[in-house]
């Protein structure tokens, strides 16, 4: 054999996304100048090249080329040992081709993230949230879940066992959240909480996700007003019945039976007289036609409820806050002196993909504080409106951590977040 090739027998370690250079030693034992080509065999061929791609050797000389291995950072590349081969092709004497073999030791890596949807939900008893667990690494992850709220006002229903997420896969877990105590009336109360998704693997940071349950009363202000209106209507109908309709009905009933009673009394008297004459040996009985039933029921008009309130003015405004990296800025709307704002809709916008937090407050009380990196646009709609009284302030506070880089646009110099507020002014 005029050509020999040698690869190191020990596995070459490489992490997906990195590269390793593996020497391949060649010797031309023939008596002619030989040019060699190379072909990588096996699954590693897709991400391995030989440098240089050809090599010429004089007789009885040796040389070295390098295999440059660059496995992609992809979940399709599993960790562990992977065999490969290199076909060495002599151009002058192709019958002396040889195939040295080697091993690659592919490293394991983890790439884990989680998302809680929706970030805010509402209900009189509770609501359901969904947790998405995304494993973009190249080996399975075992993830444990926990949840807590600062006021201990909520109960969380979590899986009793850890969730296993396969490589390159996502798992979805439903998380019912309920208030410990039922609220019958009052203003809706927000209860912020956190869900922690912790992979069992060392070195993989847990994902801490913020959520909010807006606890609504069983009887909202609208329902209470409707109930009071119904009770008032029933009371009015009761007064009309006992003071007007009932006496009229009773009087009409007496008048209706007065004529038949008198006719019956007359017939009874005639029958008695005829019986007395028959007993005396004579007389004749007679019959009288019954008189028609007179009487009629008087009509009655129903009561009416309270007049409807005048419609409120529709309201809509937009707040925009901008802040540099590491800075905090706010944008505020103040309710007019003689008005009450009923806020029914809120849309938060993060057009640049910035990282940080935006806090939504009413009257100095924070209601929402979502992380910017978790959304580009997020909307909230409340059946029971959030109320802001006269001179109260509605504020968004932007805390910028990292300025985003929107595609196909100039790089911004500040974080930017907006809030579109909608409702009515009364």
Protein backbone atom coordinates (compact mmCIF):
# COMPACT_ATOMS: atom_id res chain seq x y z
CA UNK A 1 0.00 0.00 0.00
CA UNK A 2 1.55 3.31 -1.07
CA UNK A 3 -0.71 5.64 0.99
CA UNK A 4 -1.29 5.64 4.74
CA UNK A 5 -3.51 7.98 6.82
CA UNK A 6 -3.87 8.30 10.56
CA UNK A 7 -6.42 10.00 12.92
CA UNK A 8 -6.03 10.36 16.69
CA UNK A 9 -7.81 7.46 18.41
CA UNK A 10 -9.11 9.54 21.33
CA UNK A 11 -12.50 11.28 20.82
CA UNK A 12 -12.32 14.97 19.91
CA UNK A 13 -14.56 17.01 22.24
CA UNK A 14 -16.64 19.83 20.73
CA UNK A 15 -19.68 21.84 21.85
CA UNK A 16 -22.47 22.62 19.39
CA UNK A 17 -21.88 26.12 18.08
CA UNK A 18 -18.08 25.84 18.51
CA UNK A 19 -15.42 24.23 16.33
CA UNK A 20 -12.54 21.78 16.73
CA UNK A 21 -9.59 21.13 14.38
CA UNK A 22 -8.53 17.48 14.07
CA UNK A 23 -5.18 16.67 12.36
CA UNK A 24 -5.09 13.95 9.67
CA UNK A 25 -1.55 12.69 8.97
CA UNK A 26 -0.72 11.31 5.47
CA UNK A 27 2.34 9.48 4.09
CA UNK A 28 3.14 8.78 0.44
CA UNK A 29 5.16 5.54 0.40
CA UNK A 30 5.05 5.27 -3.37
CA UNK A 31 7.58 6.30 -6.00
CA UNK A 32 5.50 9.01 -7.75
CA UNK A 33 4.24 12.41 -6.73
CA UNK A 34 0.68 11.89 -5.46
CA UNK A 35 -2.19 14.39 -5.09
CA UNK A 36 -4.87 13.56 -2.53
CA UNK A 37 -8.54 14.56 -2.25
CA UNK A 38 -10.73 14.05 0.81
CA UNK A 39 -14.36 13.11 1.53
CA UNK A 40 -15.88 13.17 5.06
CA UNK A 41 -18.25 10.28 5.76
CA UNK A 42 -21.07 9.96 8.29
CA UNK A 43 -23.54 12.44 9.89
CA UNK A 44 -20.68 14.87 10.63
CA UNK A 45 -20.09 15.40 6.91
CA UNK A 46 -22.74 18.16 6.78
CA UNK A 47 -20.75 20.40 9.14
CA UNK A 48 -17.12 19.29 8.56
CA UNK A 49 -14.58 20.55 6.00
CA UNK A 50 -10.96 19.56 5.25
CA UNK A 51 -8.31 22.28 5.12
CA UNK A 52 -6.63 22.32 2.69
CA UNK A 53 -9.09 20.49 0.46
CA UNK A 54 -6.22 18.82 -1.53
CA UNK A 55 -2.64 17.86 -0.68
CA UNK A 56 0.33 16.81 -2.90
CA UNK A 57 3.20 14.72 -1.51
CA UNK A 58 6.52 13.69 -3.03
CA UNK A 59 7.53 10.04 -2.76
CA UNK A 60 8.40 8.90 0.77
CA UNK A 61 7.20 12.16 2.37
CA UNK A 62 4.43 12.98 4.89
CA UNK A 63 1.98 15.83 5.35
CA UNK A 64 -0.93 16.94 7.47
CA UNK A 65 -4.39 18.34 6.77
CA UNK A 66 -7.00 19.37 9.35
CA UNK A 67 -10.65 18.44 9.72
CA UNK A 68 -12.54 21.56 10.85
CA UNK A 69 -15.67 20.35 12.69
CA UNK A 70 -18.42 22.92 13.39
CA UNK A 71 -21.56 21.22 14.77
CA UNK A 72 -24.51 23.66 14.76
CA UNK A 73 -26.14 24.78 18.01
CA UNK A 74 -29.30 22.87 17.22
CA UNK A 75 -31.43 20.45 19.22
CA UNK A 76 -31.12 18.01 16.29
CA UNK A 77 -27.45 17.41 17.25
CA UNK A 78 -27.66 15.04 20.27
CA UNK A 79 -24.86 14.84 22.85
CA UNK A 80 -22.53 11.84 23.05
CA UNK A 81 -19.99 10.06 20.87
CA UNK A 82 -20.38 10.21 17.10
CA UNK A 83 -18.31 8.11 14.69
CA UNK A 84 -17.03 9.55 11.41
CA UNK A 85 -14.63 8.62 8.62
CA UNK A 86 -12.49 10.38 6.01
CA UNK A 87 -12.00 8.81 2.58
CA UNK A 88 -8.47 9.67 1.31
CA UNK A 89 -8.49 9.55 -2.53
CA UNK A 90 -5.10 9.36 -4.36
CA UNK A 91 -5.42 10.89 -7.82
CA UNK A 92 -2.61 8.86 -9.47
CA UNK A 93 -3.33 5.52 -7.81
CA UNK A 94 -7.05 5.60 -6.78
CA UNK A 95 -6.95 1.88 -5.97
CA UNK A 96 -4.90 2.75 -2.89
CA UNK A 97 -7.68 4.84 -1.29
CA UNK A 98 -7.99 4.48 2.48
CA UNK A 99 -10.62 5.45 5.08
CA UNK A 100 -9.32 6.32 8.58
CA UNK A 101 -12.02 6.56 11.28
CA UNK A 102 -12.37 8.74 14.37
CA UNK A 103 -14.79 9.74 17.14
CA UNK A 104 -16.39 13.07 18.09
CA UNK A 105 -17.57 13.78 21.66
CA UNK A 106 -20.54 16.14 21.20
CA UNK A 107 -21.21 18.19 24.35
CA UNK A 108 -24.62 18.74 25.94
CA UNK A 109 -26.03 22.27 26.22
CA UNK A 110 -29.24 23.73 27.66
CA UNK A 111 -31.30 26.60 26.28
CA UNK A 112 -34.47 27.02 28.37
CA UNK A 113 -37.18 29.67 28.53
CA UNK A 114 -40.78 29.92 29.79
CA UNK A 115 -43.79 32.17 29.19
CA UNK A 116 -46.97 32.72 31.23
CA UNK A 117 -50.17 33.58 29.33
CA UNK A 118 -52.16 35.63 29.87
CA UNK A 119 -50.12 37.90 32.13
CA UNK A 120 -53.36 39.28 33.62
CA UNK A 121 -56.70 37.54 33.97
CA UNK A 122 -59.81 38.28 36.00
CA UNK A 123 -62.70 36.52 37.68
CA UNK A 124 -64.90 36.55 40.79
CA UNK A 125 -63.53 33.20 41.95
CA UNK A 126 -60.36 32.66 39.94
CA UNK A 127 -58.91 32.22 36.47
CA UNK A 128 -56.77 29.84 34.42
CA UNK A 129 -53.27 30.64 33.24
CA UNK A 130 -51.06 28.61 30.88
CA UNK A 131 -47.31 28.11 31.25
CA UNK A 132 -45.27 27.33 28.12
CA UNK A 133 -41.94 25.55 28.78
CA UNK A 134 -39.55 25.76 25.78
CA UNK A 135 -36.44 23.52 25.64
CA UNK A 136 -34.18 24.57 22.77
CA UNK A 137 -31.25 22.50 24.06
CA UNK A 138 -30.05 19.14 22.75
CA UNK A 139 -31.11 16.95 25.69
CA UNK A 140 -34.30 16.57 27.81
CA UNK A 141 -34.93 18.81 30.84
CA UNK A 142 -36.89 18.00 33.99
CA UNK A 143 -38.68 21.16 35.19
CA UNK A 144 -40.27 21.69 38.63
CA UNK A 145 -42.93 24.38 39.14
CA UNK A 146 -43.73 26.56 42.15
CA UNK A 147 -45.89 29.65 42.68
CA UNK A 148 -46.47 32.26 45.38
CA UNK A 149 -48.06 35.64 46.02
CA UNK A 150 -46.91 38.13 48.66
CA UNK A 151 -50.27 38.51 50.41
CA UNK A 152 -51.02 34.74 50.50
CA UNK A 153 -54.46 35.51 49.05
CA UNK A 154 -54.32 32.95 46.22
CA UNK A 155 -54.36 29.17 45.82
CA UNK A 156 -52.40 27.57 42.95
CA UNK A 157 -53.09 24.16 41.42
CA UNK A 158 -49.71 22.86 40.20
CA UNK A 159 -48.71 19.43 38.81
CA UNK A 160 -47.75 16.96 41.54
CA UNK A 161 -44.74 15.74 39.52
CA UNK A 162 -42.03 17.51 37.55
CA UNK A 163 -42.57 18.10 33.82
CA UNK A 164 -40.13 16.51 31.35
CA UNK A 165 -39.53 18.58 28.20
CA UNK A 166 -37.80 16.82 25.30
CA UNK A 167 -34.95 18.32 23.31
CA UNK A 168 -36.21 20.89 20.84
CA UNK A 169 -39.77 20.61 22.20
CA UNK A 170 -42.24 22.69 24.22
CA UNK A 171 -44.60 21.61 26.99
CA UNK A 172 -47.76 23.44 28.10
CA UNK A 173 -49.05 23.34 31.67
CA UNK A 174 -52.40 24.77 32.83
CA UNK A 175 -52.26 26.58 36.17
CA UNK A 176 -55.65 27.34 37.80
CA UNK A 177 -55.39 30.26 40.25
CA UNK A 178 -58.19 30.95 42.77
CA UNK A 179 -58.73 33.53 45.47
CA UNK A 180 -58.84 32.07 48.99
CA UNK A 181 -61.83 34.24 49.93
CA UNK A 182 -64.82 35.25 47.82
CA UNK A 183 -65.46 39.00 47.50
CA UNK A 184 -69.15 39.83 47.30
CA UNK A 185 -68.93 43.56 46.55
CA UNK A 186 -66.42 46.36 46.26
CA UNK A 187 -63.73 47.43 43.83
CA UNK A 188 -61.78 44.85 41.76
CA UNK A 189 -58.53 43.98 43.56
CA UNK A 190 -55.33 42.97 41.71
CA UNK A 191 -53.25 40.15 43.23
CA UNK A 192 -49.73 39.95 41.67
CA UNK A 193 -47.99 36.58 41.85
CA UNK A 194 -44.92 34.78 40.52
CA UNK A 195 -44.52 31.34 38.94
CA UNK A 196 -41.03 29.78 39.00
CA UNK A 197 -40.01 27.10 36.47
CA UNK A 198 -36.76 25.51 37.69
CA UNK A 199 -34.89 22.93 35.55
CA UNK A 200 -33.21 20.18 37.58
CA UNK A 201 -29.93 20.57 35.65
CA UNK A 202 -27.10 22.49 37.32
CA UNK A 203 -26.15 25.74 35.65
CA UNK A 204 -29.58 26.34 34.06
CA UNK A 205 -31.20 29.43 35.55
CA UNK A 206 -34.86 29.13 36.59
CA UNK A 207 -37.48 31.26 34.82
CA UNK A 208 -39.42 33.58 37.16
CA UNK A 209 -42.66 34.81 35.56
CA UNK A 210 -44.98 37.56 36.79
CA UNK A 211 -48.76 37.30 36.59
CA UNK A 212 -51.77 39.09 38.07
CA UNK A 213 -55.24 37.88 39.05
CA UNK A 214 -57.75 40.74 39.06
CA UNK A 215 -60.24 39.60 41.72
CA UNK A 216 -63.70 40.90 40.81
CA UNK A 217 -66.63 41.04 43.28
CA UNK A 218 -69.50 38.60 42.82
CA UNK A 219 -71.90 41.54 42.72
CA UNK A 220 -70.48 44.31 40.59
CA UNK A 221 -71.63 47.92 40.86
CA UNK A 222 -73.74 47.48 37.72
CA UNK A 223 -75.37 44.33 39.12
CA UNK A 224 -76.10 46.06 42.44
CA UNK A 225 -77.75 48.99 40.65
CA UNK A 226 -79.83 46.57 38.56
CA UNK A 227 -80.84 44.62 41.71
CA UNK A 228 -81.85 47.82 43.50
CA UNK A 229 -83.85 48.89 40.45
CA UNK A 230 -85.68 45.52 40.40
CA UNK A 231 -86.41 45.74 44.14
CA UNK A 232 -87.72 49.29 43.72
CA UNK A 233 -89.97 48.16 40.87
CA UNK A 234 -91.29 45.22 42.93
CA UNK A 235 -92.00 47.56 45.85
CA UNK A 236 -93.88 49.96 43.56
CA UNK A 237 -95.94 47.10 42.12
CA UNK A 238 -96.74 45.87 45.64
CA UNK A 239 -97.95 49.35 46.67
CA UNK A 240 -100.11 49.59 43.54
CA UNK A 241 -101.58 46.12 44.20
CA UNK A 242 -102.48 46.64 47.84
CA UNK A 243 -103.70 50.25 47.51
CA UNK A 244 -105.44 50.22 44.10
CA UNK A 245 -105.81 46.88 42.35
CA UNK A 246 -106.75 44.59 45.25
CA UNK A 247 -109.68 46.75 46.53
CA UNK A 248 -110.89 47.21 42.96
CA UNK A 249 -110.78 43.48 42.26
CA UNK A 250 -112.60 42.64 45.49
CA UNK A 251 -115.31 45.26 44.76
CA UNK A 252 -115.71 43.98 41.20
CA UNK A 253 -116.06 40.42 42.49
CA UNK A 254 -118.80 41.43 44.93
CA UNK A 255 -120.71 43.27 42.18
CA UNK A 256 -120.29 40.29 39.86
CA UNK A 257 -121.97 37.84 42.30
CA UNK A 258 -124.64 40.23 43.64
CA UNK A 259 -127.13 39.60 40.82
CA UNK A 260 -126.87 35.77 40.83
CA UNK A 261 -127.25 35.70 44.62
CA UNK A 262 -130.45 37.76 44.48
CA UNK A 263 -131.82 35.54 41.69
CA UNK A 264 -131.02 32.41 43.67
CA UNK A 265 -132.78 33.83 46.76
CA UNK A 266 -135.88 34.63 44.63
CA UNK A 267 -135.96 31.12 43.14
CA UNK A 268 -135.65 29.62 46.61
CA UNK A 269 -138.62 31.69 47.81
CA UNK A 270 -140.74 30.61 44.80
CA UNK A 271 -139.82 26.97 45.33
CA UNK A 272 -140.85 27.18 49.00
CA UNK A 273 -144.16 28.78 48.09
CA UNK A 274 -144.86 26.09 45.46
CA UNK A 275 -144.06 23.35 47.96
CA UNK A 276 -146.47 24.82 50.50
CA UNK A 277 -149.28 24.98 47.88
CA UNK A 278 -148.60 21.40 46.80
CA UNK A 279 -148.78 20.29 50.36
CA UNK A 280 -152.13 22.06 50.65
CA UNK A 281 -153.40 20.14 47.60
CA UNK A 282 -153.05 22.59 44.85
CA UNK A 283 -150.81 25.02 43.09
CA UNK A 284 -148.41 24.77 40.37
CA UNK A 285 -144.74 25.11 40.15
CA UNK A 286 -143.02 27.52 37.85
CA UNK A 287 -139.65 28.05 36.56
CA UNK A 288 -137.71 31.17 36.11
CA UNK A 289 -134.93 31.81 33.74
CA UNK A 290 -131.75 32.54 35.41
CA UNK A 291 -130.48 36.09 34.99
CA UNK A 292 -127.28 36.61 33.11
CA UNK A 293 -124.06 37.02 35.06
CA UNK A 294 -123.10 40.66 35.19
CA UNK A 295 -119.80 42.17 36.19
CA UNK A 296 -116.53 43.25 34.68
CA UNK A 297 -112.98 43.52 35.99
CA UNK A 298 -111.50 47.02 35.98
CA UNK A 299 -108.17 47.51 34.23
CA UNK A 300 -104.94 48.50 35.90
CA UNK A 301 -101.74 50.17 34.62
CA UNK A 302 -98.34 48.81 35.77
CA UNK A 303 -95.74 50.93 37.61
CA UNK A 304 -92.53 52.21 35.94
CA UNK A 305 -88.90 51.94 37.03
CA UNK A 306 -86.40 54.78 37.48
CA UNK A 307 -85.41 56.76 34.40
CA UNK A 308 -82.12 55.70 32.77
CA UNK A 309 -79.01 57.74 33.52
CA UNK A 310 -77.54 60.01 30.85
CA UNK A 311 -74.79 58.40 28.75
CA UNK A 312 -71.21 59.18 29.76
CA UNK A 313 -68.64 60.72 27.40
CA UNK A 314 -66.32 58.28 25.64
CA UNK A 315 -62.67 58.66 26.66
CA UNK A 316 -59.40 57.68 24.98
CA UNK A 317 -55.82 58.87 25.46
CA UNK A 318 -52.28 57.65 24.85
CA UNK A 319 -49.33 57.81 27.26
CA UNK A 320 -45.73 57.38 26.01
CA UNK A 321 -42.61 57.14 28.20
CA UNK A 322 -39.00 57.13 26.94
CA UNK A 323 -35.89 56.40 29.04
CA UNK A 324 -32.23 55.67 28.40
CA UNK A 325 -30.57 52.40 29.45
CA UNK A 326 -30.56 52.15 33.26
CA UNK A 327 -32.97 55.10 33.63
CA UNK A 328 -36.64 55.40 34.67
CA UNK A 329 -39.22 57.79 33.19
CA UNK A 330 -42.99 58.24 33.66
CA UNK A 331 -45.96 59.54 31.70
CA UNK A 332 -49.13 60.67 33.54
CA UNK A 333 -52.78 61.51 32.85
CA UNK A 334 -54.73 63.40 35.55
CA UNK A 335 -58.53 62.95 35.79
CA UNK A 336 -60.36 66.32 35.57
CA UNK A 337 -61.52 67.94 38.82
CA UNK A 338 -65.23 67.14 38.42
CA UNK A 339 -65.00 63.82 36.57
CA UNK A 340 -64.73 60.09 37.29
CA UNK A 341 -62.88 57.92 34.76
CA UNK A 342 -64.13 54.39 34.19
CA UNK A 343 -61.25 52.56 32.53
CA UNK A 344 -62.39 49.49 30.53
CA UNK A 345 -59.55 48.91 28.05
CA UNK A 346 -55.74 49.10 28.22
CA UNK A 347 -53.22 48.31 25.44
CA UNK A 348 -49.50 48.22 26.32
CA UNK A 349 -46.98 48.56 23.45
CA UNK A 350 -43.26 47.75 23.24
CA UNK A 351 -42.56 48.56 19.55
CA UNK A 352 -38.74 48.34 19.76
CA UNK A 353 -38.47 45.03 21.66
CA UNK A 354 -36.84 46.75 24.67
CA UNK A 355 -36.00 44.92 27.91
CA UNK A 356 -37.05 46.20 31.33
CA UNK A 357 -40.42 46.78 33.02
CA UNK A 358 -43.42 49.06 32.54
CA UNK A 359 -45.58 49.70 35.62
CA UNK A 360 -49.24 50.75 35.29
CA UNK A 361 -50.57 52.68 38.34
CA UNK A 362 -53.89 54.28 39.30
CA UNK A 363 -53.86 56.85 42.11
CA UNK A 364 -50.30 55.89 43.06
CA UNK A 365 -51.21 52.17 43.42
CA UNK A 366 -49.36 49.81 40.99
CA UNK A 367 -51.77 47.42 39.24
CA UNK A 368 -49.58 45.87 36.52
CA UNK A 369 -45.81 45.51 36.12
CA UNK A 370 -45.09 43.26 33.09
CA UNK A 371 -41.57 42.69 31.75
CA UNK A 372 -41.00 44.39 28.37
CA UNK A 373 -39.13 41.42 26.91
CA UNK A 374 -42.27 39.25 27.24
CA UNK A 375 -44.45 41.22 24.79
CA UNK A 376 -44.56 43.60 21.86
CA UNK A 377 -48.27 44.42 22.29
CA UNK A 378 -50.57 43.29 25.10
CA UNK A 379 -54.20 44.28 25.69
CA UNK A 380 -56.47 44.10 28.74
CA UNK A 381 -60.27 44.44 28.84
CA UNK A 382 -62.30 44.70 32.04
CA UNK A 383 -66.05 43.99 32.27
CA UNK A 384 -66.01 45.75 35.68
CA UNK A 385 -64.24 49.02 34.98
CA UNK A 386 -61.28 50.35 36.98
CA UNK A 387 -62.30 53.67 38.58
CA UNK A 388 -60.15 56.80 38.93
CA UNK A 389 -61.67 59.72 40.84
CA UNK A 390 -61.26 63.47 40.36
CA UNK A 391 -57.62 64.65 40.27
CA UNK A 392 -56.31 61.08 40.53
CA UNK A 393 -53.32 60.25 38.31
CA UNK A 394 -52.97 57.36 35.89
CA UNK A 395 -49.28 56.68 35.30
CA UNK A 396 -47.01 54.39 33.29
CA UNK A 397 -43.43 54.14 34.57
CA UNK A 398 -40.77 52.78 32.19
CA UNK A 399 -37.64 51.21 33.73
CA UNK A 400 -35.21 50.62 30.83
CA UNK A 401 -32.66 47.83 31.17
CA UNK A 402 -31.66 47.16 27.54
CA UNK A 403 -32.60 49.18 24.46
CA UNK A 404 -34.11 47.03 21.70
CA UNK A 405 -32.89 46.68 18.13
CA UNK A 406 -35.89 46.74 15.75
CA UNK A 407 -35.23 45.06 12.38
CA UNK A 408 -34.73 47.19 9.26
CA UNK A 409 -34.56 50.42 11.26
CA UNK A 410 -31.96 52.71 12.80
CA UNK A 411 -30.82 51.69 16.27
CA UNK A 412 -32.77 53.73 18.88
CA UNK A 413 -31.05 55.59 21.71
CA UNK A 414 -33.82 55.15 24.29
CA UNK A 415 -36.35 52.58 25.41
CA UNK A 416 -39.93 53.47 24.48
CA UNK A 417 -43.24 52.13 25.85
CA UNK A 418 -46.82 53.33 25.31
CA UNK A 419 -50.24 52.76 26.86
CA UNK A 420 -53.58 53.37 25.11
CA UNK A 421 -56.33 54.04 27.69
CA UNK A 422 -60.04 53.77 26.80
CA UNK A 423 -63.24 54.12 28.81
CA UNK A 424 -65.77 56.82 29.80
CA UNK A 425 -65.67 60.12 31.69
CA UNK A 426 -68.71 60.76 33.87
